PDB file of all heavy atoms in Angstrom:
ATOM      1  N   SER A   1     -41.861-105.737  26.215  1.00  0.00           N
ATOM      2  CA  SER A   1     -42.675-105.161  25.152  1.00  0.00           C
ATOM      3  C   SER A   1     -41.772-104.626  24.050  1.00  0.00           C
ATOM      4  O   SER A   1     -40.787-103.938  24.324  1.00  0.00           O
ATOM      5  CB  SER A   1     -43.552-104.034  25.704  1.00  0.00           C
ATOM      6  OG  SER A   1     -44.365-103.478  24.690  1.00  0.00           O
ATOM      7  N   VAL A   2     -42.118-104.947  22.807  1.00  0.00           N
ATOM      8  CA  VAL A   2     -41.310-104.534  21.668  1.00  0.00           C
ATOM      9  C   VAL A   2     -42.227-104.201  20.499  1.00  0.00           C
ATOM     10  O   VAL A   2     -43.344-104.724  20.402  1.00  0.00           O
ATOM     11  CB  VAL A   2     -40.306-105.640  21.281  1.00  0.00           C
ATOM     12  CG1 VAL A   2     -41.039-106.874  20.765  1.00  0.00           C
ATOM     13  CG2 VAL A   2     -39.295-105.141  20.267  1.00  0.00           C
ATOM     14  N   GLN A   3     -41.776-103.325  19.621  1.00  0.00           N
ATOM     15  CA  GLN A   3     -42.530-102.984  18.420  1.00  0.00           C
ATOM     16  C   GLN A   3     -42.382-104.066  17.360  1.00  0.00           C
ATOM     17  O   GLN A   3     -41.421-104.836  17.382  1.00  0.00           O
ATOM     18  CB  GLN A   3     -42.050-101.647  17.854  1.00  0.00           C
ATOM     19  CG  GLN A   3     -42.270-100.459  18.763  1.00  0.00           C
ATOM     20  CD  GLN A   3     -41.834 -99.161  18.122  1.00  0.00           C
ATOM     21  OE1 GLN A   3     -41.937 -98.980  16.909  1.00  0.00           O
ATOM     22  NE2 GLN A   3     -41.348 -98.242  18.937  1.00  0.00           N
ATOM     23  N   PRO A   4     -43.330-104.159  16.442  1.00  0.00           N
ATOM     24  CA  PRO A   4     -43.174-105.110  15.336  1.00  0.00           C
ATOM     25  C   PRO A   4     -41.839-104.918  14.629  1.00  0.00           C
ATOM     26  O   PRO A   4     -41.387-103.795  14.432  1.00  0.00           O
ATOM     27  CB  PRO A   4     -44.345-104.775  14.412  1.00  0.00           C
ATOM     28  CG  PRO A   4     -45.379-104.220  15.334  1.00  0.00           C
ATOM     29  CD  PRO A   4     -44.610-103.442  16.374  1.00  0.00           C
ATOM     30  N   ALA A   5     -41.222-106.033  14.245  1.00  0.00           N
ATOM     31  CA  ALA A   5     -39.903-106.090  13.619  1.00  0.00           C
ATOM     32  C   ALA A   5     -38.764-105.890  14.617  1.00  0.00           C
ATOM     33  O   ALA A   5     -37.595-105.921  14.215  1.00  0.00           O
ATOM     34  CB  ALA A   5     -39.767-105.114  12.464  1.00  0.00           C
ATOM     35  N   GLY A   6     -39.084-105.728  15.875  1.00  0.00           N
ATOM     36  CA  GLY A   6     -38.068-105.600  16.898  1.00  0.00           C
ATOM     37  C   GLY A   6     -37.524-106.948  17.335  1.00  0.00           C
ATOM     38  O   GLY A   6     -37.904-108.001  16.810  1.00  0.00           O
ATOM     39  N   SER A   7     -36.632-106.930  18.330  1.00  0.00           N
ATOM     40  CA  SER A   7     -35.960-108.139  18.792  1.00  0.00           C
ATOM     41  C   SER A   7     -35.987-108.246  20.308  1.00  0.00           C
ATOM     42  O   SER A   7     -36.007-107.237  21.018  1.00  0.00           O
ATOM     43  CB  SER A   7     -34.503-108.155  18.331  1.00  0.00           C
ATOM     44  OG  SER A   7     -34.396-108.170  16.919  1.00  0.00           O
ATOM     45  N   LEU A   8     -35.982-109.479  20.785  1.00  0.00           N
ATOM     46  CA  LEU A   8     -35.831-109.790  22.197  1.00  0.00           C
ATOM     47  C   LEU A   8     -34.967-111.032  22.326  1.00  0.00           C
ATOM     48  O   LEU A   8     -34.972-111.890  21.436  1.00  0.00           O
ATOM     49  CB  LEU A   8     -37.175-110.046  22.878  1.00  0.00           C
ATOM     50  CG  LEU A   8     -38.077-108.854  23.175  1.00  0.00           C
ATOM     51  CD1 LEU A   8     -39.424-109.350  23.686  1.00  0.00           C
ATOM     52  CD2 LEU A   8     -37.431-107.937  24.208  1.00  0.00           C
ATOM     53  N   ARG A   9     -34.255-111.134  23.438  1.00  0.00           N
ATOM     54  CA  ARG A   9     -33.452-112.316  23.731  1.00  0.00           C
ATOM     55  C   ARG A   9     -33.914-112.898  25.057  1.00  0.00           C
ATOM     56  O   ARG A   9     -33.757-112.280  26.110  1.00  0.00           O
ATOM     57  CB  ARG A   9     -31.965-111.958  23.804  1.00  0.00           C
ATOM     58  CG  ARG A   9     -31.039-113.148  24.071  1.00  0.00           C
ATOM     59  CD  ARG A   9     -29.586-112.713  23.998  1.00  0.00           C
ATOM     60  NE  ARG A   9     -28.635-113.724  24.424  1.00  0.00           N
ATOM     61  CZ  ARG A   9     -28.160-114.699  23.664  1.00  0.00           C
ATOM     62  NH1 ARG A   9     -28.569-114.804  22.400  1.00  0.00           N
ATOM     63  NH2 ARG A   9     -27.286-115.572  24.144  1.00  0.00           N
ATOM     64  N   LEU A  10     -34.499-114.081  25.007  1.00  0.00           N
ATOM     65  CA  LEU A  10     -34.962-114.765  26.200  1.00  0.00           C
ATOM     66  C   LEU A  10     -33.866-115.669  26.743  1.00  0.00           C
ATOM     67  O   LEU A  10     -33.090-116.249  25.986  1.00  0.00           O
ATOM     68  CB  LEU A  10     -36.204-115.598  25.901  1.00  0.00           C
ATOM     69  CG  LEU A  10     -37.392-114.883  25.254  1.00  0.00           C
ATOM     70  CD1 LEU A  10     -38.566-115.851  25.121  1.00  0.00           C
ATOM     71  CD2 LEU A  10     -37.785-113.654  26.047  1.00  0.00           C
ATOM     72  N   SER A  11     -33.823-115.803  28.064  1.00  0.00           N
ATOM     73  CA  SER A  11     -32.860-116.671  28.718  1.00  0.00           C
ATOM     74  C   SER A  11     -33.576-117.615  29.663  1.00  0.00           C
ATOM     75  O   SER A  11     -34.588-117.261  30.261  1.00  0.00           O
ATOM     76  CB  SER A  11     -31.825-115.855  29.490  1.00  0.00           C
ATOM     77  OG  SER A  11     -31.069-115.037  28.619  1.00  0.00           O
ATOM     78  N   CYS A  12     -33.041-118.814  29.801  1.00  0.00           N
ATOM     79  CA  CYS A  12     -33.551-119.819  30.720  1.00  0.00           C
ATOM     80  C   CYS A  12     -32.390-120.301  31.569  1.00  0.00           C
ATOM     81  O   CYS A  12     -31.489-120.979  31.060  1.00  0.00           O
ATOM     82  CB  CYS A  12     -34.177-120.981  29.954  1.00  0.00           C
ATOM     83  SG  CYS A  12     -34.629-122.405  30.975  1.00  0.00           S
ATOM     84  N   ALA A  13     -32.398-119.946  32.835  1.00  0.00           N
ATOM     85  CA  ALA A  13     -31.331-120.327  33.755  1.00  0.00           C
ATOM     86  C   ALA A  13     -31.736-121.563  34.545  1.00  0.00           C
ATOM     87  O   ALA A  13     -32.826-121.615  35.113  1.00  0.00           O
ATOM     88  CB  ALA A  13     -31.015-119.175  34.698  1.00  0.00           C
ATOM     89  N   SER A  14     -30.860-122.550  34.588  1.00  0.00           N
ATOM     90  CA  SER A  14     -31.102-123.790  35.304  1.00  0.00           C
ATOM     91  C   SER A  14     -30.356-123.802  36.633  1.00  0.00           C
ATOM     92  O   SER A  14     -29.235-123.307  36.731  1.00  0.00           O
ATOM     93  CB  SER A  14     -30.663-124.985  34.461  1.00  0.00           C
ATOM     94  OG  SER A  14     -30.722-126.190  35.203  1.00  0.00           O
ATOM     95  N   SER A  15     -30.976-124.405  37.646  1.00  0.00           N
ATOM     96  CA  SER A  15     -30.338-124.525  38.948  1.00  0.00           C
ATOM     97  C   SER A  15     -29.240-125.577  38.970  1.00  0.00           C
ATOM     98  O   SER A  15     -28.431-125.607  39.897  1.00  0.00           O
ATOM     99  CB  SER A  15     -31.381-124.863  40.015  1.00  0.00           C
ATOM    100  OG  SER A  15     -31.972-126.122  39.758  1.00  0.00           O
ATOM    101  N   GLY A  16     -29.209-126.434  37.961  1.00  0.00           N
ATOM    102  CA  GLY A  16     -28.218-127.479  37.886  1.00  0.00           C
ATOM    103  C   GLY A  16     -27.651-127.599  36.486  1.00  0.00           C
ATOM    104  O   GLY A  16     -28.027-126.860  35.573  1.00  0.00           O
ATOM    105  N   SER A  17     -26.760-128.542  36.311  1.00  0.00           N
ATOM    106  CA  SER A  17     -26.118-128.755  35.019  1.00  0.00           C
ATOM    107  C   SER A  17     -27.139-129.134  33.952  1.00  0.00           C
ATOM    108  O   SER A  17     -28.050-129.918  34.203  1.00  0.00           O
ATOM    109  CB  SER A  17     -25.063-129.847  35.136  1.00  0.00           C
ATOM    110  OG  SER A  17     -24.516-130.159  33.867  1.00  0.00           O
ATOM    111  N   ILE A  18     -26.963-128.584  32.764  1.00  0.00           N
ATOM    112  CA  ILE A  18     -27.814-128.948  31.633  1.00  0.00           C
ATOM    113  C   ILE A  18     -27.050-129.751  30.589  1.00  0.00           C
ATOM    114  O   ILE A  18     -27.637-130.164  29.590  1.00  0.00           O
ATOM    115  CB  ILE A  18     -28.436-127.705  30.960  1.00  0.00           C
ATOM    116  CG1 ILE A  18     -27.350-126.844  30.295  1.00  0.00           C
ATOM    117  CG2 ILE A  18     -29.237-126.891  31.965  1.00  0.00           C
ATOM    118  CD1 ILE A  18     -27.910-125.762  29.397  1.00  0.00           C
ATOM    119  N   GLU A  19     -25.775-129.992  30.812  1.00  0.00           N
ATOM    120  CA  GLU A  19     -24.922-130.629  29.808  1.00  0.00           C
ATOM    121  C   GLU A  19     -25.462-131.970  29.349  1.00  0.00           C
ATOM    122  O   GLU A  19     -25.386-132.306  28.167  1.00  0.00           O
ATOM    123  CB  GLU A  19     -23.506-130.785  30.348  1.00  0.00           C
ATOM    124  CG  GLU A  19     -22.528-131.389  29.350  1.00  0.00           C
ATOM    125  CD  GLU A  19     -21.121-131.478  29.888  1.00  0.00           C
ATOM    126  OE1 GLU A  19     -20.921-131.174  31.084  1.00  0.00           O
ATOM    127  OE2 GLU A  19     -20.213-131.845  29.126  1.00  0.00           O
ATOM    128  N   LEU A  20     -26.001-132.766  30.282  1.00  0.00           N
ATOM    129  CA  LEU A  20     -26.445-134.111  29.956  1.00  0.00           C
ATOM    130  C   LEU A  20     -27.950-134.221  29.740  1.00  0.00           C
ATOM    131  O   LEU A  20     -28.461-135.320  29.526  1.00  0.00           O
ATOM    132  CB  LEU A  20     -26.002-135.085  31.049  1.00  0.00           C
ATOM    133  CG  LEU A  20     -24.488-135.171  31.282  1.00  0.00           C
ATOM    134  CD1 LEU A  20     -24.185-136.164  32.389  1.00  0.00           C
ATOM    135  CD2 LEU A  20     -23.771-135.553  30.001  1.00  0.00           C
ATOM    136  N   ILE A  21     -28.664-133.111  29.801  1.00  0.00           N
ATOM    137  CA  ILE A  21     -30.096-133.135  29.533  1.00  0.00           C
ATOM    138  C   ILE A  21     -30.315-133.324  28.040  1.00  0.00           C
ATOM    139  O   ILE A  21     -29.802-132.546  27.229  1.00  0.00           O
ATOM    140  CB  ILE A  21     -30.766-131.836  30.022  1.00  0.00           C
ATOM    141  CG1 ILE A  21     -30.656-131.734  31.539  1.00  0.00           C
ATOM    142  CG2 ILE A  21     -32.228-131.791  29.588  1.00  0.00           C
ATOM    143  CD1 ILE A  21     -31.203-130.451  32.115  1.00  0.00           C
ATOM    144  N   TYR A  22     -31.089-134.336  27.680  1.00  0.00           N
ATOM    145  CA  TYR A  22     -31.202-134.711  26.272  1.00  0.00           C
ATOM    146  C   TYR A  22     -31.787-133.599  25.408  1.00  0.00           C
ATOM    147  O   TYR A  22     -31.263-133.292  24.341  1.00  0.00           O
ATOM    148  CB  TYR A  22     -32.043-135.974  26.114  1.00  0.00           C
ATOM    149  CG  TYR A  22     -32.238-136.337  24.660  1.00  0.00           C
ATOM    150  CD1 TYR A  22     -31.169-136.763  23.883  1.00  0.00           C
ATOM    151  CD2 TYR A  22     -33.490-136.240  24.062  1.00  0.00           C
ATOM    152  CE1 TYR A  22     -31.331-137.075  22.552  1.00  0.00           C
ATOM    153  CE2 TYR A  22     -33.662-136.553  22.729  1.00  0.00           C
ATOM    154  CZ  TYR A  22     -32.581-136.969  21.976  1.00  0.00           C
ATOM    155  OH  TYR A  22     -32.746-137.279  20.647  1.00  0.00           O
ATOM    156  N   VAL A  23     -32.887-132.996  25.858  1.00  0.00           N
ATOM    157  CA  VAL A  23     -33.516-131.974  25.046  1.00  0.00           C
ATOM    158  C   VAL A  23     -34.047-130.837  25.924  1.00  0.00           C
ATOM    159  O   VAL A  23     -34.638-131.069  26.975  1.00  0.00           O
ATOM    160  CB  VAL A  23     -34.642-132.561  24.171  1.00  0.00           C
ATOM    161  CG1 VAL A  23     -35.746-133.179  25.021  1.00  0.00           C
ATOM    162  CG2 VAL A  23     -35.206-131.509  23.235  1.00  0.00           C
ATOM    163  N   MET A  24     -33.819-129.623  25.471  1.00  0.00           N
ATOM    164  CA  MET A  24     -34.389-128.442  26.090  1.00  0.00           C
ATOM    165  C   MET A  24     -35.116-127.655  25.008  1.00  0.00           C
ATOM    166  O   MET A  24     -34.754-127.731  23.833  1.00  0.00           O
ATOM    167  CB  MET A  24     -33.320-127.577  26.748  1.00  0.00           C
ATOM    168  CG  MET A  24     -32.562-128.291  27.854  1.00  0.00           C
ATOM    169  SD  MET A  24     -31.423-127.208  28.763  1.00  0.00           S
ATOM    170  CE  MET A  24     -32.602-126.145  29.619  1.00  0.00           C
ATOM    171  N   GLY A  25     -36.129-126.921  25.411  1.00  0.00           N
ATOM    172  CA  GLY A  25     -36.893-126.205  24.411  1.00  0.00           C
ATOM    173  C   GLY A  25     -37.661-125.026  24.959  1.00  0.00           C
ATOM    174  O   GLY A  25     -37.783-124.843  26.171  1.00  0.00           O
ATOM    175  N   TRP A  26     -38.154-124.242  24.022  1.00  0.00           N
ATOM    176  CA  TRP A  26     -39.013-123.108  24.314  1.00  0.00           C
ATOM    177  C   TRP A  26     -40.412-123.384  23.798  1.00  0.00           C
ATOM    178  O   TRP A  26     -40.579-123.845  22.662  1.00  0.00           O
ATOM    179  CB  TRP A  26     -38.479-121.824  23.678  1.00  0.00           C
ATOM    180  CG  TRP A  26     -37.238-121.299  24.319  1.00  0.00           C
ATOM    181  CD1 TRP A  26     -35.953-121.510  23.925  1.00  0.00           C
ATOM    182  CD2 TRP A  26     -37.169-120.468  25.477  1.00  0.00           C
ATOM    183  NE1 TRP A  26     -35.079-120.863  24.759  1.00  0.00           N
ATOM    184  CE2 TRP A  26     -35.802-120.209  25.727  1.00  0.00           C
ATOM    185  CE3 TRP A  26     -38.123-119.906  26.325  1.00  0.00           C
ATOM    186  CZ2 TRP A  26     -35.370-119.420  26.786  1.00  0.00           C
ATOM    187  CZ3 TRP A  26     -37.696-119.124  27.388  1.00  0.00           C
ATOM    188  CH2 TRP A  26     -36.335-118.893  27.611  1.00  0.00           C
ATOM    189  N   TYR A  27     -41.408-123.089  24.619  1.00  0.00           N
ATOM    190  CA  TYR A  27     -42.804-123.221  24.267  1.00  0.00           C
ATOM    191  C   TYR A  27     -43.484-121.886  24.509  1.00  0.00           C
ATOM    192  O   TYR A  27     -43.009-121.077  25.294  1.00  0.00           O
ATOM    193  CB  TYR A  27     -43.478-124.306  25.107  1.00  0.00           C
ATOM    194  CG  TYR A  27     -42.976-125.706  24.833  1.00  0.00           C
ATOM    195  CD1 TYR A  27     -41.717-126.109  25.273  1.00  0.00           C
ATOM    196  CD2 TYR A  27     -43.759-126.622  24.137  1.00  0.00           C
ATOM    197  CE1 TYR A  27     -41.253-127.389  25.020  1.00  0.00           C
ATOM    198  CE2 TYR A  27     -43.298-127.904  23.885  1.00  0.00           C
ATOM    199  CZ  TYR A  27     -42.052-128.283  24.328  1.00  0.00           C
ATOM    200  OH  TYR A  27     -41.602-129.557  24.076  1.00  0.00           O
ATOM    201  N   ARG A  28     -44.600-121.661  23.835  1.00  0.00           N
ATOM    202  CA  ARG A  28     -45.341-120.431  24.057  1.00  0.00           C
ATOM    203  C   ARG A  28     -46.833-120.714  24.085  1.00  0.00           C
ATOM    204  O   ARG A  28     -47.313-121.684  23.498  1.00  0.00           O
ATOM    205  CB  ARG A  28     -45.029-119.380  22.994  1.00  0.00           C
ATOM    206  CG  ARG A  28     -45.583-119.671  21.605  1.00  0.00           C
ATOM    207  CD  ARG A  28     -45.117-118.625  20.612  1.00  0.00           C
ATOM    208  NE  ARG A  28     -45.640-118.849  19.280  1.00  0.00           N
ATOM    209  CZ  ARG A  28     -45.248-118.197  18.193  1.00  0.00           C
ATOM    210  NH1 ARG A  28     -44.303-117.257  18.287  1.00  0.00           N
ATOM    211  NH2 ARG A  28     -45.788-118.467  17.011  1.00  0.00           N
ATOM    212  N   GLN A  29     -47.547-119.863  24.798  1.00  0.00           N
ATOM    213  CA  GLN A  29     -48.991-119.951  24.857  1.00  0.00           C
ATOM    214  C   GLN A  29     -49.576-118.570  24.580  1.00  0.00           C
ATOM    215  O   GLN A  29     -49.350-117.634  25.346  1.00  0.00           O
ATOM    216  CB  GLN A  29     -49.467-120.459  26.210  1.00  0.00           C
ATOM    217  CG  GLN A  29     -50.969-120.692  26.270  1.00  0.00           C
ATOM    218  CD  GLN A  29     -51.389-121.472  27.494  1.00  0.00           C
ATOM    219  OE1 GLN A  29     -50.579-121.797  28.346  1.00  0.00           O
ATOM    220  NE2 GLN A  29     -52.659-121.782  27.571  1.00  0.00           N
ATOM    221  N   ARG A  30     -50.292-118.447  23.477  1.00  0.00           N
ATOM    222  CA  ARG A  30     -50.947-117.214  23.103  1.00  0.00           C
ATOM    223  C   ARG A  30     -52.350-117.191  23.674  1.00  0.00           C
ATOM    224  O   ARG A  30     -52.932-118.248  23.940  1.00  0.00           O
ATOM    225  CB  ARG A  30     -50.960-117.067  21.580  1.00  0.00           C
ATOM    226  CG  ARG A  30     -49.562-116.864  20.992  1.00  0.00           C
ATOM    227  CD  ARG A  30     -49.574-116.750  19.482  1.00  0.00           C
ATOM    228  NE  ARG A  30     -49.664-118.051  18.839  1.00  0.00           N
ATOM    229  CZ  ARG A  30     -49.608-118.240  17.531  1.00  0.00           C
ATOM    230  NH1 ARG A  30     -49.491-117.185  16.714  1.00  0.00           N
ATOM    231  NH2 ARG A  30     -49.682-119.459  17.028  1.00  0.00           N
ATOM    232  N   PRO A  31     -52.912-116.007  23.878  1.00  0.00           N
ATOM    233  CA  PRO A  31     -54.252-115.910  24.483  1.00  0.00           C
ATOM    234  C   PRO A  31     -55.277-116.744  23.734  1.00  0.00           C
ATOM    235  O   PRO A  31     -55.395-116.660  22.507  1.00  0.00           O
ATOM    236  CB  PRO A  31     -54.563-114.418  24.385  1.00  0.00           C
ATOM    237  CG  PRO A  31     -53.222-113.755  24.396  1.00  0.00           C
ATOM    238  CD  PRO A  31     -52.334-114.683  23.620  1.00  0.00           C
ATOM    239  N   GLY A  32     -55.996-117.565  24.468  1.00  0.00           N
ATOM    240  CA  GLY A  32     -57.044-118.373  23.885  1.00  0.00           C
ATOM    241  C   GLY A  32     -56.565-119.578  23.101  1.00  0.00           C
ATOM    242  O   GLY A  32     -57.379-120.252  22.459  1.00  0.00           O
ATOM    243  N   MET A  33     -55.262-119.864  23.143  1.00  0.00           N
ATOM    244  CA  MET A  33     -54.709-120.964  22.365  1.00  0.00           C
ATOM    245  C   MET A  33     -53.975-121.953  23.261  1.00  0.00           C
ATOM    246  O   MET A  33     -53.619-121.649  24.397  1.00  0.00           O
ATOM    247  CB  MET A  33     -53.747-120.439  21.299  1.00  0.00           C
ATOM    248  CG  MET A  33     -54.371-119.493  20.295  1.00  0.00           C
ATOM    249  SD  MET A  33     -53.185-118.854  19.087  1.00  0.00           S
ATOM    250  CE  MET A  33     -52.722-120.381  18.239  1.00  0.00           C
ATOM    251  N   GLN A  34     -53.757-123.150  22.740  1.00  0.00           N
ATOM    252  CA  GLN A  34     -52.999-124.166  23.450  1.00  0.00           C
ATOM    253  C   GLN A  34     -51.502-123.867  23.374  1.00  0.00           C
ATOM    254  O   GLN A  34     -51.031-123.176  22.469  1.00  0.00           O
ATOM    255  CB  GLN A  34     -53.278-125.552  22.871  1.00  0.00           C
ATOM    256  CG  GLN A  34     -54.698-126.045  23.051  1.00  0.00           C
ATOM    257  CD  GLN A  34     -55.039-126.244  24.501  1.00  0.00           C
ATOM    258  OE1 GLN A  34     -55.848-125.505  25.064  1.00  0.00           O
ATOM    259  NE2 GLN A  34     -54.420-127.227  25.133  1.00  0.00           N
ATOM    260  N   ARG A  35     -50.771-124.392  24.339  1.00  0.00           N
ATOM    261  CA  ARG A  35     -49.324-124.254  24.329  1.00  0.00           C
ATOM    262  C   ARG A  35     -48.736-124.937  23.099  1.00  0.00           C
ATOM    263  O   ARG A  35     -49.172-126.028  22.713  1.00  0.00           O
ATOM    264  CB  ARG A  35     -48.741-124.878  25.598  1.00  0.00           C
ATOM    265  CG  ARG A  35     -47.239-124.733  25.753  1.00  0.00           C
ATOM    266  CD  ARG A  35     -46.769-125.422  27.019  1.00  0.00           C
ATOM    267  NE  ARG A  35     -47.029-126.855  26.968  1.00  0.00           N
ATOM    268  CZ  ARG A  35     -46.874-127.684  27.990  1.00  0.00           C
ATOM    269  NH1 ARG A  35     -46.475-127.212  29.163  1.00  0.00           N
ATOM    270  NH2 ARG A  35     -47.127-128.978  27.850  1.00  0.00           N
ATOM    271  N   GLU A  36     -47.762-124.305  22.477  1.00  0.00           N
ATOM    272  CA  GLU A  36     -47.137-124.861  21.295  1.00  0.00           C
ATOM    273  C   GLU A  36     -45.620-124.843  21.424  1.00  0.00           C
ATOM    274  O   GLU A  36     -45.046-123.971  22.073  1.00  0.00           O
ATOM    275  CB  GLU A  36     -47.568-124.105  20.034  1.00  0.00           C
ATOM    276  CG  GLU A  36     -47.179-122.639  20.015  1.00  0.00           C
ATOM    277  CD  GLU A  36     -47.732-121.892  18.814  1.00  0.00           C
ATOM    278  OE1 GLU A  36     -48.150-122.553  17.837  1.00  0.00           O
ATOM    279  OE2 GLU A  36     -47.750-120.647  18.846  1.00  0.00           O
ATOM    280  N   GLU A  37     -44.989-125.803  20.781  1.00  0.00           N
ATOM    281  CA  GLU A  37     -43.534-125.898  20.777  1.00  0.00           C
ATOM    282  C   GLU A  37     -42.963-124.891  19.797  1.00  0.00           C
ATOM    283  O   GLU A  37     -43.340-124.876  18.625  1.00  0.00           O
ATOM    284  CB  GLU A  37     -43.114-127.315  20.405  1.00  0.00           C
ATOM    285  CG  GLU A  37     -41.620-127.567  20.436  1.00  0.00           C
ATOM    286  CD  GLU A  37     -41.293-128.996  20.054  1.00  0.00           C
ATOM    287  OE1 GLU A  37     -41.437-129.883  20.924  1.00  0.00           O
ATOM    288  OE2 GLU A  37     -40.912-129.224  18.888  1.00  0.00           O
TER     289      GLU A  37
END
């Protein structure tokens, strides 16, 4: 939880190597909405 204009740093840890994975990304889903890139 953060106030407006604040900051957060999200992390995604993989169980294996990510070096050769072509694309990685972050998606979000807001209440009542579809998942978006």
